Amino acid sequence: MRRKTRGQDTLALETLKGKGSIVESVDLSKSEIRRQKKEKRRREWEEFNQTKPGAGYEDPEEVSAISKAKSEMGDYKLKTSSDYVVSDQQRMSTEKKRRELLICRNNIFDAKRKYNDKLMALRDYKIEMIKKITLLVNELKSAQRHLPPSLRKPLPTIPTLKPEEVPE
């Protein structure tokens, strides 16, 4: 709690003793309050810095993890190093590239064939549907012949197969 009195701050310090509390009021200048705050912060930092481990301290868990990684690490040579030698299994040859190219071409061919098979199946399904629709329209025509002209409805159009749908 602070009160201003003629250029000085009044700082109330509370100390608890037993059941009651004693309130002391001390008149301190602003510079004295700032100095005390700085001193308190400096002491807190000193306490904090004393809890830090020393410069030579190494965490045992990290040391064991590093030693485990070193023991399990393989011999990896950089491709840019002067002593790097490509093994025969890893060396790329024209035969290996030709084999890769053939595999890619076969994959492309299989994808195109699957697509064309699906397309042909859809075309065959469309042909079947056109036949069914034609039969149903013919039945509808024969049924409408028996009706008087005033009750007859227009017949639906029969879908047709376009020339580009039959490339063979």
N, C-alpha and C. Protein backbone atom coordinates (compact mmCIF):
# COMPACT_ATOMS: atom_id res chain seq x y z
N MET A 1 0.85 -1.15 0.00
CA MET A 1 0.00 0.00 0.00
C MET A 1 0.90 1.22 0.00
N ARG A 2 0.64 2.21 -0.88
CA ARG A 2 1.49 3.39 -0.99
C ARG A 2 0.64 4.65 -0.81
N ARG A 3 1.23 5.64 -0.16
CA ARG A 3 0.62 6.97 -0.05
C ARG A 3 1.67 7.99 -0.40
N LYS A 4 1.28 9.03 -1.13
CA LYS A 4 2.24 10.09 -1.47
C LYS A 4 2.19 11.16 -0.38
N THR A 5 3.36 11.47 0.12
CA THR A 5 3.43 12.56 1.09
C THR A 5 4.66 13.40 0.79
N ARG A 6 4.49 14.59 0.30
CA ARG A 6 5.53 15.60 0.06
C ARG A 6 6.78 15.03 -0.62
N GLY A 7 6.58 14.40 -1.83
CA GLY A 7 7.74 13.96 -2.61
C GLY A 7 8.32 12.64 -2.16
N GLN A 8 7.80 12.03 -1.13
CA GLN A 8 8.31 10.74 -0.69
C GLN A 8 7.18 9.73 -0.71
N ASP A 9 7.56 8.47 -0.90
CA ASP A 9 6.56 7.40 -0.85
C ASP A 9 6.55 6.82 0.55
N THR A 10 5.38 6.44 0.98
CA THR A 10 5.28 5.74 2.25
C THR A 10 5.05 4.28 1.92
N LEU A 11 5.89 3.42 2.42
CA LEU A 11 5.80 2.00 2.13
C LEU A 11 5.34 1.31 3.40
N ALA A 12 4.25 0.59 3.30
CA ALA A 12 3.73 -0.12 4.47
C ALA A 12 4.23 -1.56 4.41
N LEU A 13 4.91 -2.00 5.44
CA LEU A 13 5.41 -3.36 5.51
C LEU A 13 4.55 -4.12 6.50
N GLU A 14 4.08 -5.26 6.09
CA GLU A 14 3.25 -6.07 6.97
C GLU A 14 4.04 -7.29 7.39
N THR A 15 4.05 -7.55 8.65
CA THR A 15 4.68 -8.77 9.15
C THR A 15 3.66 -9.46 10.03
N LEU A 16 3.48 -10.73 9.79
CA LEU A 16 2.49 -11.49 10.55
C LEU A 16 3.17 -12.15 11.74
N LYS A 17 2.57 -11.98 12.89
CA LYS A 17 3.09 -12.63 14.08
C LYS A 17 1.89 -13.18 14.84
N GLY A 18 1.83 -14.49 15.00
CA GLY A 18 0.74 -15.12 15.74
C GLY A 18 -0.58 -14.91 15.05
N LYS A 19 -1.61 -14.54 15.84
CA LYS A 19 -2.95 -14.38 15.27
C LYS A 19 -3.14 -13.01 14.64
N GLY A 20 -2.51 -12.01 15.13
CA GLY A 20 -2.69 -10.66 14.61
C GLY A 20 -1.58 -10.27 13.67
N SER A 21 -1.65 -9.07 13.13
CA SER A 21 -0.59 -8.59 12.25
C SER A 21 -0.16 -7.20 12.70
N ILE A 22 1.11 -6.95 12.51
CA ILE A 22 1.66 -5.65 12.86
C ILE A 22 1.97 -4.92 11.56
N VAL A 23 1.48 -3.73 11.42
CA VAL A 23 1.73 -2.95 10.22
C VAL A 23 2.69 -1.83 10.57
N GLU A 24 3.85 -1.84 9.89
CA GLU A 24 4.82 -0.77 10.09
C GLU A 24 4.81 0.12 8.87
N SER A 25 4.94 1.36 9.08
CA SER A 25 4.98 2.27 7.96
C SER A 25 6.32 2.97 8.00
N VAL A 26 7.05 2.86 6.89
CA VAL A 26 8.39 3.42 6.81
C VAL A 26 8.41 4.41 5.66
N ASP A 27 8.92 5.60 5.91
CA ASP A 27 9.04 6.59 4.85
C ASP A 27 10.36 6.37 4.12
N LEU A 28 10.26 6.06 2.82
CA LEU A 28 11.45 5.83 2.00
C LEU A 28 11.37 6.70 0.76
N SER A 29 12.53 7.14 0.29
CA SER A 29 12.53 7.92 -0.95
C SER A 29 12.41 6.96 -2.13
N LYS A 30 12.07 7.51 -3.29
CA LYS A 30 11.90 6.69 -4.49
C LYS A 30 13.20 6.00 -4.85
N SER A 31 14.30 6.69 -4.73
CA SER A 31 15.59 6.09 -5.09
C SER A 31 15.92 4.95 -4.13
N GLU A 32 15.57 5.09 -2.85
CA GLU A 32 15.82 4.03 -1.88
C GLU A 32 14.97 2.79 -2.20
N ILE A 33 13.73 3.01 -2.62
CA ILE A 33 12.85 1.88 -2.99
C ILE A 33 13.42 1.17 -4.21
N ARG A 34 13.86 1.93 -5.22
CA ARG A 34 14.45 1.33 -6.41
C ARG A 34 15.72 0.56 -6.06
N ARG A 35 16.55 1.13 -5.19
CA ARG A 35 17.78 0.46 -4.78
C ARG A 35 17.47 -0.86 -4.08
N GLN A 36 16.46 -0.88 -3.23
CA GLN A 36 16.09 -2.10 -2.53
C GLN A 36 15.57 -3.16 -3.50
N LYS A 37 14.77 -2.72 -4.49
CA LYS A 37 14.26 -3.67 -5.49
C LYS A 37 15.40 -4.28 -6.29
N LYS A 38 16.38 -3.44 -6.69
CA LYS A 38 17.53 -3.94 -7.44
C LYS A 38 18.33 -4.93 -6.60
N GLU A 39 18.51 -4.60 -5.33
CA GLU A 39 19.26 -5.48 -4.43
C GLU A 39 18.54 -6.82 -4.26
N LYS A 40 17.23 -6.76 -4.13
CA LYS A 40 16.44 -7.99 -4.00
C LYS A 40 16.57 -8.84 -5.26
N ARG A 41 16.46 -8.21 -6.45
CA ARG A 41 16.61 -8.92 -7.72
C ARG A 41 18.00 -9.53 -7.85
N ARG A 42 19.04 -8.78 -7.42
CA ARG A 42 20.41 -9.28 -7.49
C ARG A 42 20.57 -10.53 -6.62
N ARG A 43 20.00 -10.50 -5.40
CA ARG A 43 20.08 -11.67 -4.51
C ARG A 43 19.34 -12.87 -5.10
N GLU A 44 18.18 -12.63 -5.72
CA GLU A 44 17.43 -13.72 -6.35
C GLU A 44 18.23 -14.35 -7.48
N TRP A 45 18.90 -13.49 -8.28
CA TRP A 45 19.72 -14.02 -9.37
C TRP A 45 20.91 -14.82 -8.83
N GLU A 46 21.51 -14.34 -7.74
CA GLU A 46 22.63 -15.08 -7.15
C GLU A 46 22.17 -16.46 -6.68
N GLU A 47 21.01 -16.52 -6.03
CA GLU A 47 20.47 -17.81 -5.58
C GLU A 47 20.19 -18.72 -6.77
N PHE A 48 19.62 -18.13 -7.81
CA PHE A 48 19.31 -18.92 -9.00
C PHE A 48 20.58 -19.45 -9.66
N ASN A 49 21.58 -18.58 -9.81
CA ASN A 49 22.84 -18.99 -10.46
C ASN A 49 23.59 -20.03 -9.64
N GLN A 50 23.39 -20.07 -8.33
CA GLN A 50 24.05 -21.08 -7.50
C GLN A 50 23.46 -22.47 -7.75
N THR A 51 22.22 -22.53 -8.23
CA THR A 51 21.59 -23.83 -8.51
C THR A 51 22.02 -24.39 -9.85
N LYS A 52 22.65 -23.58 -10.70
CA LYS A 52 23.10 -24.06 -12.01
C LYS A 52 24.24 -25.05 -11.84
N PRO A 53 24.28 -26.09 -12.67
CA PRO A 53 25.41 -27.02 -12.59
C PRO A 53 26.69 -26.36 -13.10
N GLY A 54 27.81 -26.94 -12.74
CA GLY A 54 29.10 -26.38 -13.13
C GLY A 54 29.35 -26.52 -14.62
N ALA A 55 30.43 -25.89 -15.09
CA ALA A 55 30.74 -25.89 -16.52
C ALA A 55 31.10 -27.29 -17.02
N GLY A 56 31.71 -28.12 -16.17
CA GLY A 56 32.13 -29.46 -16.59
C GLY A 56 31.06 -30.52 -16.39
N TYR A 57 29.89 -30.15 -15.92
CA TYR A 57 28.85 -31.13 -15.64
C TYR A 57 28.22 -31.64 -16.93
N GLU A 58 28.05 -32.95 -17.01
CA GLU A 58 27.37 -33.57 -18.15
C GLU A 58 26.28 -34.47 -17.61
N ASP A 59 25.11 -34.37 -18.19
CA ASP A 59 23.97 -35.18 -17.77
C ASP A 59 24.26 -36.64 -18.09
N PRO A 60 24.16 -37.56 -17.12
CA PRO A 60 24.48 -38.97 -17.38
C PRO A 60 23.58 -39.59 -18.44
N GLU A 61 22.33 -39.18 -18.51
CA GLU A 61 21.42 -39.72 -19.54
C GLU A 61 21.89 -39.32 -20.93
N GLU A 62 22.30 -38.07 -21.08
CA GLU A 62 22.78 -37.60 -22.39
C GLU A 62 24.08 -38.29 -22.77
N VAL A 63 24.97 -38.50 -21.79
CA VAL A 63 26.24 -39.17 -22.06
C VAL A 63 25.99 -40.60 -22.53
N SER A 64 25.07 -41.30 -21.85
CA SER A 64 24.77 -42.69 -22.26
C SER A 64 24.11 -42.72 -23.63
N ALA A 65 23.24 -41.75 -23.93
CA ALA A 65 22.60 -41.71 -25.25
C ALA A 65 23.62 -41.45 -26.35
N ILE A 66 24.58 -40.58 -26.10
CA ILE A 66 25.62 -40.28 -27.09
C ILE A 66 26.50 -41.50 -27.32
N SER A 67 26.89 -42.17 -26.23
CA SER A 67 27.75 -43.35 -26.40
C SER A 67 27.01 -44.47 -27.12
N LYS A 68 25.71 -44.62 -26.84
CA LYS A 68 24.92 -45.64 -27.54
C LYS A 68 24.83 -45.31 -29.03
N ALA A 69 24.61 -44.04 -29.35
CA ALA A 69 24.51 -43.64 -30.76
C ALA A 69 25.84 -43.87 -31.48
N LYS A 70 26.95 -43.57 -30.81
CA LYS A 70 28.26 -43.80 -31.44
C LYS A 70 28.51 -45.28 -31.68
N SER A 71 28.10 -46.12 -30.73
CA SER A 71 28.35 -47.55 -30.89
C SER A 71 27.47 -48.16 -31.98
N GLU A 72 26.26 -47.65 -32.16
CA GLU A 72 25.33 -48.20 -33.16
C GLU A 72 25.45 -47.53 -34.51
N MET A 73 26.23 -46.47 -34.60
CA MET A 73 26.33 -45.73 -35.85
C MET A 73 27.17 -46.52 -36.86
N GLY A 74 26.67 -46.57 -38.08
CA GLY A 74 27.39 -47.28 -39.13
C GLY A 74 28.49 -46.42 -39.72
N ASP A 75 29.18 -46.97 -40.69
CA ASP A 75 30.27 -46.26 -41.36
C ASP A 75 29.68 -45.59 -42.60
N TYR A 76 29.21 -44.36 -42.43
CA TYR A 76 28.60 -43.64 -43.54
C TYR A 76 29.62 -42.69 -44.14
N LYS A 77 29.96 -42.93 -45.37
CA LYS A 77 30.91 -42.06 -46.05
C LYS A 77 30.13 -41.04 -46.88
N LEU A 78 30.62 -39.83 -46.88
CA LEU A 78 29.98 -38.80 -47.68
C LEU A 78 30.36 -38.97 -49.14
N LYS A 79 29.40 -38.72 -50.01
CA LYS A 79 29.67 -38.86 -51.44
C LYS A 79 30.67 -37.82 -51.93
N THR A 80 30.81 -36.75 -51.19
CA THR A 80 31.73 -35.70 -51.61
C THR A 80 33.15 -35.94 -51.12
N SER A 81 33.34 -36.91 -50.22
CA SER A 81 34.69 -37.14 -49.70
C SER A 81 35.55 -37.80 -50.77
N SER A 82 36.84 -37.61 -50.63
CA SER A 82 37.77 -38.12 -51.65
C SER A 82 37.92 -39.63 -51.59
N ASP A 83 37.67 -40.26 -50.44
CA ASP A 83 37.85 -41.71 -50.34
C ASP A 83 36.54 -42.49 -50.55
N TYR A 84 35.51 -41.82 -51.02
CA TYR A 84 34.22 -42.49 -51.25
C TYR A 84 34.30 -43.34 -52.51
N VAL A 85 33.88 -44.61 -52.39
CA VAL A 85 33.88 -45.53 -53.52
C VAL A 85 32.49 -46.15 -53.60
N VAL A 86 31.89 -46.11 -54.77
CA VAL A 86 30.55 -46.67 -54.96
C VAL A 86 30.69 -48.18 -55.12
N SER A 87 29.87 -48.93 -54.36
CA SER A 87 29.92 -50.39 -54.47
C SER A 87 29.26 -50.83 -55.78
N ASP A 88 29.53 -52.07 -56.18
CA ASP A 88 28.97 -52.58 -57.43
C ASP A 88 27.45 -52.64 -57.39
N GLN A 89 26.88 -52.93 -56.22
CA GLN A 89 25.42 -53.00 -56.11
C GLN A 89 24.79 -51.62 -56.26
N GLN A 90 25.48 -50.60 -55.78
CA GLN A 90 24.93 -49.25 -55.85
C GLN A 90 25.27 -48.52 -57.14
N ARG A 91 26.25 -49.00 -57.86
CA ARG A 91 26.69 -48.33 -59.08
C ARG A 91 25.59 -48.42 -60.14
N MET A 92 25.27 -47.33 -60.76
CA MET A 92 24.23 -47.28 -61.78
C MET A 92 24.85 -47.63 -63.13
N SER A 93 24.15 -48.49 -63.85
CA SER A 93 24.64 -48.87 -65.18
C SER A 93 23.51 -48.68 -66.18
N THR A 94 23.85 -48.77 -67.45
CA THR A 94 22.83 -48.61 -68.48
C THR A 94 21.82 -49.75 -68.41
N GLU A 95 22.26 -50.92 -68.02
CA GLU A 95 21.34 -52.06 -67.91
C GLU A 95 20.31 -51.83 -66.80
N LYS A 96 20.77 -51.29 -65.67
CA LYS A 96 19.85 -51.00 -64.56
C LYS A 96 18.84 -49.92 -64.98
N LYS A 97 19.30 -48.89 -65.65
CA LYS A 97 18.39 -47.83 -66.09
C LYS A 97 17.42 -48.34 -67.13
N ARG A 98 17.88 -49.22 -68.02
CA ARG A 98 17.00 -49.80 -69.03
C ARG A 98 15.90 -50.63 -68.35
N ARG A 99 16.30 -51.39 -67.32
CA ARG A 99 15.32 -52.19 -66.58
C ARG A 99 14.29 -51.27 -65.90
N GLU A 100 14.76 -50.18 -65.29
CA GLU A 100 13.84 -49.21 -64.66
C GLU A 100 12.88 -48.63 -65.69
N LEU A 101 13.39 -48.29 -66.86
CA LEU A 101 12.57 -47.72 -67.92
C LEU A 101 11.51 -48.71 -68.38
N LEU A 102 11.89 -49.98 -68.52
CA LEU A 102 10.92 -51.00 -68.92
C LEU A 102 9.84 -51.19 -67.87
N ILE A 103 10.23 -51.16 -66.61
CA ILE A 103 9.25 -51.29 -65.53
C ILE A 103 8.28 -50.12 -65.57
N CYS A 104 8.79 -48.91 -65.79
CA CYS A 104 7.92 -47.72 -65.89
C CYS A 104 6.97 -47.84 -67.08
N ARG A 105 7.48 -48.29 -68.21
CA ARG A 105 6.62 -48.46 -69.38
C ARG A 105 5.54 -49.50 -69.12
N ASN A 106 5.90 -50.60 -68.47
CA ASN A 106 4.90 -51.63 -68.14
C ASN A 106 3.84 -51.08 -67.19
N ASN A 107 4.26 -50.28 -66.22
CA ASN A 107 3.30 -49.68 -65.30
C ASN A 107 2.34 -48.74 -66.03
N ILE A 108 2.87 -47.96 -66.95
CA ILE A 108 2.02 -47.06 -67.75
C ILE A 108 1.05 -47.86 -68.60
N PHE A 109 1.56 -48.92 -69.23
CA PHE A 109 0.71 -49.77 -70.06
C PHE A 109 -0.42 -50.39 -69.24
N ASP A 110 -0.08 -50.90 -68.04
CA ASP A 110 -1.10 -51.50 -67.17
C ASP A 110 -2.15 -50.48 -66.76
N ALA A 111 -1.73 -49.27 -66.44
CA ALA A 111 -2.68 -48.23 -66.04
C ALA A 111 -3.61 -47.88 -67.20
N LYS A 112 -3.06 -47.76 -68.41
CA LYS A 112 -3.90 -47.46 -69.58
C LYS A 112 -4.87 -48.60 -69.87
N ARG A 113 -4.37 -49.84 -69.74
CA ARG A 113 -5.22 -51.00 -70.02
C ARG A 113 -6.39 -51.06 -69.01
N LYS A 114 -6.10 -50.82 -67.74
CA LYS A 114 -7.16 -50.82 -66.72
C LYS A 114 -8.19 -49.74 -67.02
N TYR A 115 -7.72 -48.56 -67.40
CA TYR A 115 -8.63 -47.46 -67.74
C TYR A 115 -9.50 -47.84 -68.93
N ASN A 116 -8.88 -48.38 -69.97
CA ASN A 116 -9.64 -48.77 -71.17
C ASN A 116 -10.63 -49.87 -70.86
N ASP A 117 -10.25 -50.83 -70.01
CA ASP A 117 -11.18 -51.90 -69.64
C ASP A 117 -12.41 -51.34 -68.92
N LYS A 118 -12.18 -50.40 -68.01
CA LYS A 118 -13.30 -49.78 -67.30
C LYS A 118 -14.19 -49.01 -68.28
N LEU A 119 -13.56 -48.30 -69.22
CA LEU A 119 -14.30 -47.53 -70.21
C LEU A 119 -15.14 -48.44 -71.10
N MET A 120 -14.55 -49.56 -71.52
CA MET A 120 -15.28 -50.51 -72.38
C MET A 120 -16.44 -51.14 -71.60
N ALA A 121 -16.23 -51.41 -70.31
CA ALA A 121 -17.31 -51.98 -69.50
C ALA A 121 -18.46 -50.98 -69.39
N LEU A 122 -18.13 -49.71 -69.22
CA LEU A 122 -19.18 -48.69 -69.17
C LEU A 122 -19.91 -48.57 -70.51
N ARG A 123 -19.18 -48.66 -71.60
CA ARG A 123 -19.80 -48.60 -72.92
C ARG A 123 -20.74 -49.80 -73.12
N ASP A 124 -20.29 -51.00 -72.71
CA ASP A 124 -21.14 -52.18 -72.82
C ASP A 124 -22.40 -52.03 -71.96
N TYR A 125 -22.24 -51.45 -70.78
CA TYR A 125 -23.39 -51.22 -69.91
C TYR A 125 -24.37 -50.24 -70.58
N LYS A 126 -23.84 -49.22 -71.23
CA LYS A 126 -24.69 -48.25 -71.93
C LYS A 126 -25.45 -48.93 -73.06
N ILE A 127 -24.78 -49.82 -73.80
CA ILE A 127 -25.45 -50.55 -74.89
C ILE A 127 -26.59 -51.39 -74.34
N GLU A 128 -26.35 -52.07 -73.20
CA GLU A 128 -27.41 -52.87 -72.57
C GLU A 128 -28.58 -51.99 -72.15
N MET A 129 -28.27 -50.82 -71.57
CA MET A 129 -29.33 -49.92 -71.13
C MET A 129 -30.13 -49.39 -72.32
N ILE A 130 -29.47 -49.11 -73.43
CA ILE A 130 -30.18 -48.64 -74.63
C ILE A 130 -31.14 -49.72 -75.11
N LYS A 131 -30.70 -50.99 -75.09
CA LYS A 131 -31.57 -52.10 -75.50
C LYS A 131 -32.78 -52.20 -74.58
N LYS A 132 -32.56 -52.09 -73.26
CA LYS A 132 -33.67 -52.18 -72.31
C LYS A 132 -34.65 -51.02 -72.50
N ILE A 133 -34.10 -49.82 -72.69
CA ILE A 133 -34.96 -48.64 -72.90
C ILE A 133 -35.77 -48.81 -74.18
N THR A 134 -35.14 -49.33 -75.23
CA THR A 134 -35.84 -49.55 -76.50
C THR A 134 -37.00 -50.53 -76.30
N LEU A 135 -36.76 -51.62 -75.57
CA LEU A 135 -37.83 -52.59 -75.29
C LEU A 135 -38.97 -51.94 -74.50
N LEU A 136 -38.61 -51.14 -73.49
CA LEU A 136 -39.64 -50.50 -72.68
C LEU A 136 -40.44 -49.48 -73.48
N VAL A 137 -39.77 -48.74 -74.36
CA VAL A 137 -40.47 -47.76 -75.20
C VAL A 137 -41.41 -48.48 -76.16
N ASN A 138 -40.97 -49.62 -76.71
CA ASN A 138 -41.84 -50.40 -77.61
C ASN A 138 -43.07 -50.92 -76.87
N GLU A 139 -42.88 -51.37 -75.62
CA GLU A 139 -44.03 -51.82 -74.81
C GLU A 139 -44.98 -50.65 -74.56
N LEU A 140 -44.39 -49.48 -74.29
CA LEU A 140 -45.20 -48.29 -74.05
C LEU A 140 -45.99 -47.90 -75.30
N LYS A 141 -45.38 -48.03 -76.48
CA LYS A 141 -46.07 -47.73 -77.74
C LYS A 141 -47.27 -48.66 -77.91
N SER A 142 -47.04 -49.96 -77.66
CA SER A 142 -48.14 -50.91 -77.85
C SER A 142 -49.25 -50.67 -76.83
N ALA A 143 -48.91 -50.24 -75.61
CA ALA A 143 -49.93 -49.96 -74.60
C ALA A 143 -50.71 -48.70 -74.97
N GLN A 144 -50.02 -47.70 -75.55
CA GLN A 144 -50.70 -46.45 -75.90
C GLN A 144 -51.60 -46.62 -77.12
N ARG A 145 -51.37 -47.64 -77.94
CA ARG A 145 -52.24 -47.87 -79.10
C ARG A 145 -53.66 -48.21 -78.64
N HIS A 146 -53.75 -48.85 -77.47
CA HIS A 146 -55.06 -49.25 -76.97
C HIS A 146 -55.77 -48.11 -76.24
N LEU A 147 -55.07 -46.99 -76.00
CA LEU A 147 -55.68 -45.85 -75.31
C LEU A 147 -56.26 -44.87 -76.32
N PRO A 148 -57.27 -44.11 -75.92
CA PRO A 148 -57.78 -43.07 -76.81
C PRO A 148 -56.71 -41.98 -76.98
N PRO A 149 -56.69 -41.28 -78.12
CA PRO A 149 -55.65 -40.27 -78.40
C PRO A 149 -55.55 -39.17 -77.34
N SER A 150 -56.61 -38.86 -76.64
CA SER A 150 -56.56 -37.78 -75.64
C SER A 150 -55.75 -38.19 -74.40
N LEU A 151 -55.65 -39.48 -74.12
CA LEU A 151 -54.92 -39.94 -72.93
C LEU A 151 -53.46 -40.32 -73.23
N ARG A 152 -53.09 -40.30 -74.47
CA ARG A 152 -51.72 -40.70 -74.83
C ARG A 152 -50.72 -39.60 -74.44
N LYS A 153 -49.57 -40.03 -73.95
CA LYS A 153 -48.48 -39.12 -73.55
C LYS A 153 -47.35 -39.26 -74.56
N PRO A 154 -46.49 -38.22 -74.68
CA PRO A 154 -45.36 -38.34 -75.62
C PRO A 154 -44.36 -39.38 -75.10
N LEU A 155 -43.77 -40.09 -76.04
CA LEU A 155 -42.81 -41.14 -75.69
C LEU A 155 -41.44 -40.53 -75.42
N PRO A 156 -40.68 -41.12 -74.49
CA PRO A 156 -39.33 -40.60 -74.23
C PRO A 156 -38.40 -40.91 -75.39
N THR A 157 -37.39 -40.09 -75.54
CA THR A 157 -36.42 -40.33 -76.62
C THR A 157 -35.46 -41.44 -76.19
N ILE A 158 -35.08 -42.23 -77.15
CA ILE A 158 -34.16 -43.34 -76.87
C ILE A 158 -32.73 -42.82 -77.07
N PRO A 159 -31.85 -42.99 -76.07
CA PRO A 159 -30.47 -42.54 -76.24
C PRO A 159 -29.77 -43.35 -77.33
N THR A 160 -28.81 -42.74 -77.97
CA THR A 160 -28.08 -43.43 -79.04
C THR A 160 -26.60 -43.48 -78.69
N LEU A 161 -25.92 -44.39 -79.33
CA LEU A 161 -24.48 -44.54 -79.15
C LEU A 161 -23.79 -43.63 -80.16
N LYS A 162 -22.90 -42.78 -79.69
CA LYS A 162 -22.20 -41.85 -80.57
C LYS A 162 -21.07 -42.58 -81.29
N PRO A 163 -20.69 -42.11 -82.48
CA PRO A 163 -19.63 -42.80 -83.25
C PRO A 163 -18.28 -42.85 -82.50
N GLU A 164 -17.97 -41.82 -81.71
CA GLU A 164 -16.69 -41.84 -81.01
C GLU A 164 -16.68 -42.82 -79.83
N GLU A 165 -17.87 -43.34 -79.46
CA GLU A 165 -17.93 -44.32 -78.39
C GLU A 165 -17.62 -45.73 -78.88
N VAL A 166 -17.52 -45.90 -80.17
CA VAL A 166 -17.18 -47.21 -80.75
C VAL A 166 -15.95 -47.02 -81.64
N PRO A 167 -14.76 -46.96 -81.03
CA PRO A 167 -13.58 -46.70 -81.84
C PRO A 167 -13.08 -47.92 -82.62
N GLU A 168 -13.54 -49.12 -82.30
CA GLU A 168 -13.02 -50.31 -82.97
C GLU A 168 -13.48 -50.39 -84.39
